[in-house]
Every structure is written in structure tokens, then in C-alpha cells.
Amino acid sequence: MDIRLIDENFAVTGQLAPEDIAGVAAQGFKTLICNRPDHESDGQPLYDAVAQAATAAGLQTYFIPVAGGQITQENLDEMTAAVENAPTPILAYCRSGTRCTNLYGIVQQQKQR
């Protein structure tokens, strides 16, 4: 698990599996956001399995799937609401973490307007 800190309350990582969640919780994360659509690639752990493990570990979860390179305003609105309302720190994941980073960056830019 390669967790990259974006700011004091938000970090990103690549695809997680249910067995990774205990480590996520042990690192102090309170919220998990999945920005990867289910069935994007063969063998990918599905959101529901990861979310069940996260809920059992006491994490709040959000599913905000973003198709690669296709961020919509709805995605941005959902991500904004999650970031503003979720307990921190937040860990977001997708295939590599790039989508999460880009989405979070746009949300932060929109907040400055």
C-alpha cells in the first residue's frame, strides 16, 4: 500500500483489497473514499467487499466512481460533500491514486472561487 499524503486531512492510494483495511484503520484514517468504478479491470476487488471491511473497522465509506479521465460535475459535487462532511483524515483510492488526486485538486480549486 503506497499512501501519498496530499494535505494534513487527505491522502490517496491505489486499489485496496478488504485485507488492506485493517492497516488503513491502524494508520488512523477515519474515512475511505473509492473513486474507482467496479469492473474497471479483471480481478479488481469490488467496492462492496472493501466497504464491508471498512465499515467493520469503523471507517465511514463513500463510493464516488469516476471513469478514467471523465470527471463530471456530479462527481465533483459528491466529492465536495464527502470531503466537507466526512471525519478526517480521509484516504481515497482508485487504480493508482491519480484520479483521486485530480478530483481532490479540482474540488479545492472550486472552493477558492
C-alpha atoms as a PDB file:
ATOM      1  CA  MET A   1       0.000   0.000   0.000  1.00  0.00           C
ATOM      2  CA  ASP A   2       1.600   3.242  -1.195  1.00  0.00           C
ATOM      3  CA  ILE A   3      -0.223   6.016   0.676  1.00  0.00           C
ATOM      4  CA  ARG A   4       0.584   9.545  -0.513  1.00  0.00           C
ATOM      5  CA  LEU A   5      -0.339  12.449   1.746  1.00  0.00           C
ATOM      6  CA  ILE A   6      -1.916  15.333  -0.205  1.00  0.00           C
ATOM      7  CA  ASP A   7      -2.557  17.536   2.830  1.00  0.00           C
ATOM      8  CA  GLU A   8      -2.997  17.034   6.573  1.00  0.00           C
ATOM      9  CA  ASN A   9      -6.510  15.593   6.144  1.00  0.00           C
ATOM     10  CA  PHE A  10      -6.411  13.844   2.755  1.00  0.00           C
ATOM     11  CA  ALA A  11      -4.296  11.045   1.290  1.00  0.00           C
ATOM     12  CA  VAL A  12      -4.548   8.792  -1.762  1.00  0.00           C
ATOM     13  CA  THR A  13      -3.518   5.292  -2.686  1.00  0.00           C
ATOM     14  CA  GLY A  14      -4.000   2.685  -5.378  1.00  0.00           C
ATOM     15  CA  GLN A  15      -6.523  -0.135  -5.346  1.00  0.00           C
ATOM     16  CA  LEU A  16      -7.273  -1.561  -1.919  1.00  0.00           C
ATOM     17  CA  ALA A  17      -8.468  -5.034  -1.038  1.00  0.00           C
ATOM     18  CA  PRO A  18     -10.514  -5.998   2.017  1.00  0.00           C
ATOM     19  CA  GLU A  19      -7.387  -7.382   3.697  1.00  0.00           C
ATOM     20  CA  ASP A  20      -5.740  -3.921   3.461  1.00  0.00           C
ATOM     21  CA  ILE A  21      -8.373  -2.214   5.583  1.00  0.00           C
ATOM     22  CA  ALA A  22      -7.004  -3.175   9.000  1.00  0.00           C
ATOM     23  CA  GLY A  23      -3.772  -1.397   8.047  1.00  0.00           C
ATOM     24  CA  VAL A  24      -5.697   1.653   6.851  1.00  0.00           C
ATOM     25  CA  ALA A  25      -7.562   1.875  10.151  1.00  0.00           C
ATOM     26  CA  ALA A  26      -4.344   1.292  12.123  1.00  0.00           C
ATOM     27  CA  GLN A  27      -2.826   4.330  10.397  1.00  0.00           C
ATOM     28  CA  GLY A  28      -5.623   6.466  11.820  1.00  0.00           C
ATOM     29  CA  PHE A  29      -7.804   7.062   8.776  1.00  0.00           C
ATOM     30  CA  LYS A  30     -11.457   7.695   9.614  1.00  0.00           C
ATOM     31  CA  THR A  31     -12.974   7.772   6.119  1.00  0.00           C
ATOM     32  CA  LEU A  32     -12.432   5.785   2.928  1.00  0.00           C
ATOM     33  CA  ILE A  33     -13.490   7.129  -0.482  1.00  0.00           C
ATOM     34  CA  CYS A  34     -13.487   4.874  -3.531  1.00  0.00           C
ATOM     35  CA  ASN A  35     -13.156   6.737  -6.838  1.00  0.00           C
ATOM     36  CA  ARG A  36     -12.775   3.599  -8.963  1.00  0.00           C
ATOM     37  CA  PRO A  37     -15.748   2.097 -10.779  1.00  0.00           C
ATOM     38  CA  ASP A  38     -16.386  -1.601 -10.187  1.00  0.00           C
ATOM     39  CA  HIS A  39     -15.342  -3.932 -13.031  1.00  0.00           C
ATOM     40  CA  GLU A  40     -12.778  -1.494 -14.425  1.00  0.00           C
ATOM     41  CA  SER A  41     -10.311  -4.372 -14.701  1.00  0.00           C
ATOM     42  CA  ASP A  42     -10.379  -8.130 -14.243  1.00  0.00           C
ATOM     43  CA  GLY A  43      -9.721  -9.330 -10.723  1.00  0.00           C
ATOM     44  CA  GLN A  44     -10.288  -5.921  -9.132  1.00  0.00           C
ATOM     45  CA  PRO A  45     -11.771  -6.114  -5.628  1.00  0.00           C
ATOM     46  CA  LEU A  46     -15.292  -4.717  -5.750  1.00  0.00           C
ATOM     47  CA  TYR A  47     -16.294  -1.701  -3.702  1.00  0.00           C
ATOM     48  CA  ASP A  48     -18.868  -3.607  -1.604  1.00  0.00           C
ATOM     49  CA  ALA A  49     -16.234  -6.054  -0.327  1.00  0.00           C
ATOM     50  CA  VAL A  50     -13.831  -3.244   0.577  1.00  0.00           C
ATOM     51  CA  ALA A  51     -16.646  -1.183   2.116  1.00  0.00           C
ATOM     52  CA  GLN A  52     -17.798  -4.092   4.290  1.00  0.00           C
ATOM     53  CA  ALA A  53     -14.281  -4.462   5.697  1.00  0.00           C
ATOM     54  CA  ALA A  54     -14.021  -0.686   6.182  1.00  0.00           C
ATOM     55  CA  THR A  55     -17.360  -0.463   7.988  1.00  0.00           C
ATOM     56  CA  ALA A  56     -16.356  -3.370  10.240  1.00  0.00           C
ATOM     57  CA  ALA A  57     -13.144  -1.453  11.050  1.00  0.00           C
ATOM     58  CA  GLY A  58     -15.146   1.657  11.974  1.00  0.00           C
ATOM     59  CA  LEU A  59     -14.437   3.712   8.855  1.00  0.00           C
ATOM     60  CA  GLN A  60     -17.047   5.807   7.084  1.00  0.00           C
ATOM     61  CA  THR A  61     -17.187   4.974   3.366  1.00  0.00           C
ATOM     62  CA  TYR A  62     -18.152   6.780   0.161  1.00  0.00           C
ATOM     63  CA  PHE A  63     -18.433   5.374  -3.362  1.00  0.00           C
ATOM     64  CA  ILE A  64     -17.839   8.114  -5.920  1.00  0.00           C
ATOM     65  CA  PRO A  65     -16.789   6.210  -9.054  1.00  0.00           C
ATOM     66  CA  VAL A  66     -15.072   8.245 -11.748  1.00  0.00           C
ATOM     67  CA  ALA A  67     -14.374   6.763 -15.168  1.00  0.00           C
ATOM     68  CA  GLY A  68     -10.745   7.436 -16.081  1.00  0.00           C
ATOM     69  CA  GLY A  69     -10.351  10.959 -17.464  1.00  0.00           C
ATOM     70  CA  GLN A  70     -14.086  11.676 -17.289  1.00  0.00           C
ATOM     71  CA  ILE A  71     -14.701  13.728 -14.139  1.00  0.00           C
ATOM     72  CA  THR A  72     -18.251  15.099 -14.147  1.00  0.00           C
ATOM     73  CA  GLN A  73     -19.767  17.932 -12.138  1.00  0.00           C
ATOM     74  CA  GLU A  74     -21.809  15.310 -10.282  1.00  0.00           C
ATOM     75  CA  ASN A  75     -18.528  13.600  -9.277  1.00  0.00           C
ATOM     76  CA  LEU A  76     -17.189  16.946  -8.081  1.00  0.00           C
ATOM     77  CA  ASP A  77     -20.351  17.729  -6.112  1.00  0.00           C
ATOM     78  CA  GLU A  78     -20.318  14.305  -4.434  1.00  0.00           C
ATOM     79  CA  MET A  79     -16.594  14.574  -3.643  1.00  0.00           C
ATOM     80  CA  THR A  80     -17.051  18.082  -2.234  1.00  0.00           C
ATOM     81  CA  ALA A  81     -19.835  16.877   0.058  1.00  0.00           C
ATOM     82  CA  ALA A  82     -17.759  13.906   1.214  1.00  0.00           C
ATOM     83  CA  VAL A  83     -14.655  15.990   1.909  1.00  0.00           C
ATOM     84  CA  GLU A  84     -16.656  18.639   3.768  1.00  0.00           C
ATOM     85  CA  ASN A  85     -18.686  16.203   5.889  1.00  0.00           C
ATOM     86  CA  ALA A  86     -16.547  13.114   6.439  1.00  0.00           C
ATOM     87  CA  PRO A  87     -14.435  12.513   9.525  1.00  0.00           C
ATOM     88  CA  THR A  88     -10.762  13.126   8.840  1.00  0.00           C
ATOM     89  CA  PRO A  89      -8.235  12.030   7.914  1.00  0.00           C
ATOM     90  CA  ILE A  90      -9.601  10.698   4.641  1.00  0.00           C
ATOM     91  CA  LEU A  91      -7.991   8.075   2.401  1.00  0.00           C
ATOM     92  CA  ALA A  92      -9.218   7.956  -1.213  1.00  0.00           C
ATOM     93  CA  TYR A  93      -8.346   5.190  -3.649  1.00  0.00           C
ATOM     94  CA  CYS A  94      -8.628   4.339  -7.336  1.00  0.00           C
ATOM     95  CA  ARG A  95      -6.387   2.259  -9.598  1.00  0.00           C
ATOM     96  CA  SER A  96      -3.224   4.264  -8.893  1.00  0.00           C
ATOM     97  CA  GLY A  97      -4.321   7.258  -6.788  1.00  0.00           C
ATOM     98  CA  THR A  98      -4.027   9.728  -9.678  1.00  0.00           C
ATOM     99  CA  ARG A  99      -7.775  10.054 -10.275  1.00  0.00           C
ATOM    100  CA  CYS A 100      -8.320  10.766  -6.571  1.00  0.00           C
ATOM    101  CA  THR A 101      -5.560  13.371  -6.572  1.00  0.00           C
ATOM    102  CA  ASN A 102      -7.002  15.118  -9.622  1.00  0.00           C
ATOM    103  CA  LEU A 103     -10.538  15.049  -8.267  1.00  0.00           C
ATOM    104  CA  TYR A 104      -9.448  16.452  -4.907  1.00  0.00           C
ATOM    105  CA  GLY A 105      -7.394  19.170  -6.612  1.00  0.00           C
ATOM    106  CA  ILE A 106     -10.369  20.344  -8.668  1.00  0.00           C
ATOM    107  CA  VAL A 107     -12.591  20.324  -5.564  1.00  0.00           C
ATOM    108  CA  GLN A 108     -10.052  22.533  -3.772  1.00  0.00           C
ATOM    109  CA  GLN A 109      -9.870  24.920  -6.754  1.00  0.00           C
ATOM    110  CA  GLN A 110     -13.652  25.230  -6.859  1.00  0.00           C
ATOM    111  CA  LYS A 111     -13.752  26.058  -3.136  1.00  0.00           C
ATOM    112  CA  GLN A 112     -11.441  29.028  -3.765  1.00  0.00           C
ATOM    113  CA  ARG A 113     -13.772  30.629  -6.291  1.00  0.00           C
END
